[in-house]
Amino acid sequence: MAYKDDKFLRQAVAEIPWSHNLMILNMVKSVQEREYYIQAVLKMG
């Protein structure tokens, strides 16, 4: 539900480990910050 309005984030979240996604959801409230951390996970693992 957190990413329902953002097609890029929905696709990106599908590519990262679920545990990373849960950490991001629990620790980061801003959509822009979540996008940054999701991209960082995709880039750096």
PDB file of N, CA and C in Angstrom:
ATOM      1  N   MET A   1       0.810  -1.195   0.000  1.00  0.00           N
ATOM      2  CA  MET A   1       0.000   0.000   0.000  1.00  0.00           C
ATOM      3  C   MET A   1       0.862   1.272   0.000  1.00  0.00           C
ATOM      4  N   ALA A   2       2.038   1.198   0.613  1.00  0.00           N
ATOM      5  CA  ALA A   2       2.882   2.384   0.726  1.00  0.00           C
ATOM      6  C   ALA A   2       3.360   2.888  -0.632  1.00  0.00           C
ATOM      7  N   TYR A   3       3.445   1.986  -1.603  1.00  0.00           N
ATOM      8  CA  TYR A   3       3.977   2.361  -2.912  1.00  0.00           C
ATOM      9  C   TYR A   3       2.928   2.287  -4.018  1.00  0.00           C
ATOM     10  N   LYS A   4       1.670   2.212  -3.657  1.00  0.00           N
ATOM     11  CA  LYS A   4       0.615   1.971  -4.646  1.00  0.00           C
ATOM     12  C   LYS A   4       0.513   3.048  -5.719  1.00  0.00           C
ATOM     13  N   ASP A   5       0.893   4.283  -5.403  1.00  0.00           N
ATOM     14  CA  ASP A   5       0.755   5.367  -6.373  1.00  0.00           C
ATOM     15  C   ASP A   5       2.025   5.645  -7.168  1.00  0.00           C
ATOM     16  N   ASP A   6       3.085   4.889  -6.908  1.00  0.00           N
ATOM     17  CA  ASP A   6       4.364   5.150  -7.563  1.00  0.00           C
ATOM     18  C   ASP A   6       4.841   3.893  -8.289  1.00  0.00           C
ATOM     19  N   LYS A   7       4.691   3.894  -9.604  1.00  0.00           N
ATOM     20  CA  LYS A   7       5.023   2.716 -10.407  1.00  0.00           C
ATOM     21  C   LYS A   7       6.495   2.338 -10.269  1.00  0.00           C
ATOM     22  N   PHE A   8       7.396   3.347 -10.278  1.00  0.00           N
ATOM     23  CA  PHE A   8       8.824   3.061 -10.148  1.00  0.00           C
ATOM     24  C   PHE A   8       9.122   2.356  -8.832  1.00  0.00           C
ATOM     25  N   LEU A   9       8.595   2.879  -7.730  1.00  0.00           N
ATOM     26  CA  LEU A   9       8.879   2.268  -6.429  1.00  0.00           C
ATOM     27  C   LEU A   9       8.306   0.866  -6.325  1.00  0.00           C
ATOM     28  N   ARG A  10       7.133   0.646  -6.889  1.00  0.00           N
ATOM     29  CA  ARG A  10       6.566  -0.716  -6.863  1.00  0.00           C
ATOM     30  C   ARG A  10       7.482  -1.692  -7.559  1.00  0.00           C
ATOM     31  N   GLN A  11       8.017  -1.300  -8.707  1.00  0.00           N
ATOM     32  CA  GLN A  11       8.920  -2.182  -9.447  1.00  0.00           C
ATOM     33  C   GLN A  11      10.241  -2.362  -8.716  1.00  0.00           C
ATOM     34  N   ALA A  12      10.776  -1.283  -8.175  1.00  0.00           N
ATOM     35  CA  ALA A  12      12.055  -1.341  -7.476  1.00  0.00           C
ATOM     36  C   ALA A  12      11.956  -2.198  -6.220  1.00  0.00           C
ATOM     37  N   VAL A  13      10.871  -2.053  -5.476  1.00  0.00           N
ATOM     38  CA  VAL A  13      10.692  -2.831  -4.246  1.00  0.00           C
ATOM     39  C   VAL A  13      10.625  -4.323  -4.560  1.00  0.00           C
ATOM     40  N   ALA A  14      10.101  -4.673  -5.697  1.00  0.00           N
ATOM     41  CA  ALA A  14      10.022  -6.086  -6.090  1.00  0.00           C
ATOM     42  C   ALA A  14      11.407  -6.679  -6.319  1.00  0.00           C
ATOM     43  N   GLU A  15      12.409  -5.839  -6.514  1.00  0.00           N
ATOM     44  CA  GLU A  15      13.764  -6.317  -6.803  1.00  0.00           C
ATOM     45  C   GLU A  15      14.684  -6.338  -5.584  1.00  0.00           C
ATOM     46  N   ILE A  16      14.241  -5.792  -4.457  1.00  0.00           N
ATOM     47  CA  ILE A  16      15.098  -5.788  -3.272  1.00  0.00           C
ATOM     48  C   ILE A  16      14.608  -6.844  -2.282  1.00  0.00           C
ATOM     49  N   PRO A  17      15.494  -7.298  -1.386  1.00  0.00           N
ATOM     50  CA  PRO A  17      15.068  -8.288  -0.389  1.00  0.00           C
ATOM     51  C   PRO A  17      13.947  -7.733   0.504  1.00  0.00           C
ATOM     52  N   TRP A  18      13.045  -8.611   0.877  1.00  0.00           N
ATOM     53  CA  TRP A  18      11.898  -8.206   1.681  1.00  0.00           C
ATOM     54  C   TRP A  18      12.346  -7.588   3.007  1.00  0.00           C
ATOM     55  N   SER A  19      13.393  -8.129   3.610  1.00  0.00           N
ATOM     56  CA  SER A  19      13.867  -7.582   4.886  1.00  0.00           C
ATOM     57  C   SER A  19      14.336  -6.137   4.723  1.00  0.00           C
ATOM     58  N   HIS A  20      14.966  -5.811   3.600  1.00  0.00           N
ATOM     59  CA  HIS A  20      15.398  -4.437   3.352  1.00  0.00           C
ATOM     60  C   HIS A  20      14.184  -3.523   3.210  1.00  0.00           C
ATOM     61  N   ASN A  21      13.185  -4.003   2.505  1.00  0.00           N
ATOM     62  CA  ASN A  21      11.964  -3.216   2.327  1.00  0.00           C
ATOM     63  C   ASN A  21      11.296  -2.939   3.670  1.00  0.00           C
ATOM     64  N   LEU A  22      11.219  -3.938   4.526  1.00  0.00           N
ATOM     65  CA  LEU A  22      10.606  -3.744   5.842  1.00  0.00           C
ATOM     66  C   LEU A  22      11.377  -2.728   6.672  1.00  0.00           C
ATOM     67  N   MET A  23      12.697  -2.785   6.616  1.00  0.00           N
ATOM     68  CA  MET A  23      13.507  -1.816   7.357  1.00  0.00           C
ATOM     69  C   MET A  23      13.248  -0.407   6.852  1.00  0.00           C
ATOM     70  N   ILE A  24      13.199  -0.240   5.544  1.00  0.00           N
ATOM     71  CA  ILE A  24      12.944   1.076   4.962  1.00  0.00           C
ATOM     72  C   ILE A  24      11.560   1.572   5.371  1.00  0.00           C
ATOM     73  N   LEU A  25      10.559   0.719   5.278  1.00  0.00           N
ATOM     74  CA  LEU A  25       9.193   1.117   5.644  1.00  0.00           C
ATOM     75  C   LEU A  25       9.102   1.531   7.112  1.00  0.00           C
ATOM     76  N   ASN A  26       9.801   0.802   7.987  1.00  0.00           N
ATOM     77  CA  ASN A  26       9.719   1.085   9.422  1.00  0.00           C
ATOM     78  C   ASN A  26      10.525   2.306   9.846  1.00  0.00           C
ATOM     79  N   MET A  27      11.609   2.577   9.149  1.00  0.00           N
ATOM     80  CA  MET A  27      12.521   3.625   9.604  1.00  0.00           C
ATOM     81  C   MET A  27      12.387   4.947   8.845  1.00  0.00           C
ATOM     82  N   VAL A  28      11.823   4.915   7.649  1.00  0.00           N
ATOM     83  CA  VAL A  28      11.788   6.111   6.805  1.00  0.00           C
ATOM     84  C   VAL A  28      10.332   6.439   6.464  1.00  0.00           C
ATOM     85  N   LYS A  29       9.923   7.652   6.757  1.00  0.00           N
ATOM     86  CA  LYS A  29       8.530   8.039   6.510  1.00  0.00           C
ATOM     87  C   LYS A  29       8.354   8.817   5.217  1.00  0.00           C
ATOM     88  N   SER A  30       9.342   9.556   4.787  1.00  0.00           N
ATOM     89  CA  SER A  30       9.252  10.373   3.583  1.00  0.00           C
ATOM     90  C   SER A  30       9.371   9.503   2.328  1.00  0.00           C
ATOM     91  N   VAL A  31       8.500   9.729   1.366  1.00  0.00           N
ATOM     92  CA  VAL A  31       8.530   8.969   0.116  1.00  0.00           C
ATOM     93  C   VAL A  31       9.842   9.220  -0.627  1.00  0.00           C
ATOM     94  N   GLN A  32      10.321  10.458  -0.606  1.00  0.00           N
ATOM     95  CA  GLN A  32      11.569  10.789  -1.295  1.00  0.00           C
ATOM     96  C   GLN A  32      12.748  10.057  -0.652  1.00  0.00           C
ATOM     97  N   GLU A  33      12.762   9.978   0.670  1.00  0.00           N
ATOM     98  CA  GLU A  33      13.834   9.260   1.357  1.00  0.00           C
ATOM     99  C   GLU A  33      13.746   7.767   1.081  1.00  0.00           C
ATOM    100  N   ARG A  34      12.542   7.235   1.059  1.00  0.00           N
ATOM    101  CA  ARG A  34      12.381   5.811   0.744  1.00  0.00           C
ATOM    102  C   ARG A  34      12.916   5.515  -0.649  1.00  0.00           C
ATOM    103  N   GLU A  35      12.601   6.377  -1.591  1.00  0.00           N
ATOM    104  CA  GLU A  35      13.088   6.193  -2.955  1.00  0.00           C
ATOM    105  C   GLU A  35      14.616   6.181  -2.974  1.00  0.00           C
ATOM    106  N   TYR A  36      15.229   7.105  -2.240  1.00  0.00           N
ATOM    107  CA  TYR A  36      16.689   7.162  -2.169  1.00  0.00           C
ATOM    108  C   TYR A  36      17.264   5.838  -1.643  1.00  0.00           C
ATOM    109  N   TYR A  37      16.731   5.338  -0.533  1.00  0.00           N
ATOM    110  CA  TYR A  37      17.259   4.119   0.067  1.00  0.00           C
ATOM    111  C   TYR A  37      16.990   2.889  -0.796  1.00  0.00           C
ATOM    112  N   ILE A  38      15.850   2.838  -1.438  1.00  0.00           N
ATOM    113  CA  ILE A  38      15.564   1.719  -2.339  1.00  0.00           C
ATOM    114  C   ILE A  38      16.545   1.720  -3.507  1.00  0.00           C
ATOM    115  N   GLN A  39      16.797   2.892  -4.065  1.00  0.00           N
ATOM    116  CA  GLN A  39      17.772   2.984  -5.161  1.00  0.00           C
ATOM    117  C   GLN A  39      19.164   2.607  -4.670  1.00  0.00           C
ATOM    118  N   ALA A  40      19.504   2.994  -3.456  1.00  0.00           N
ATOM    119  CA  ALA A  40      20.814   2.641  -2.896  1.00  0.00           C
ATOM    120  C   ALA A  40      20.949   1.131  -2.738  1.00  0.00           C
ATOM    121  N   VAL A  41      19.901   0.485  -2.292  1.00  0.00           N
ATOM    122  CA  VAL A  41      19.929  -0.979  -2.159  1.00  0.00           C
ATOM    123  C   VAL A  41      20.107  -1.624  -3.529  1.00  0.00           C
ATOM    124  N   LEU A  42      19.386  -1.126  -4.511  1.00  0.00           N
ATOM    125  CA  LEU A  42      19.513  -1.683  -5.866  1.00  0.00           C
ATOM    126  C   LEU A  42      20.925  -1.493  -6.407  1.00  0.00           C
ATOM    127  N   LYS A  43      21.521  -0.367  -6.113  1.00  0.00           N
ATOM    128  CA  LYS A  43      22.850  -0.057  -6.648  1.00  0.00           C
ATOM    129  C   LYS A  43      23.962  -0.757  -5.882  1.00  0.00           C
ATOM    130  N   MET A  44      23.864  -0.755  -4.547  1.00  0.00           N
ATOM    131  CA  MET A  44      24.972  -1.245  -3.712  1.00  0.00           C
ATOM    132  C   MET A  44      24.708  -2.563  -3.010  1.00  0.00           C
ATOM    133  N   GLY A  45      23.468  -2.993  -3.037  1.00  0.00           N
ATOM    134  CA  GLY A  45      23.157  -4.256  -2.392  1.00  0.00           C
ATOM    135  C   GLY A  45      22.891  -4.156  -0.918  1.00  0.00           C
TER     136      GLY A  45
END
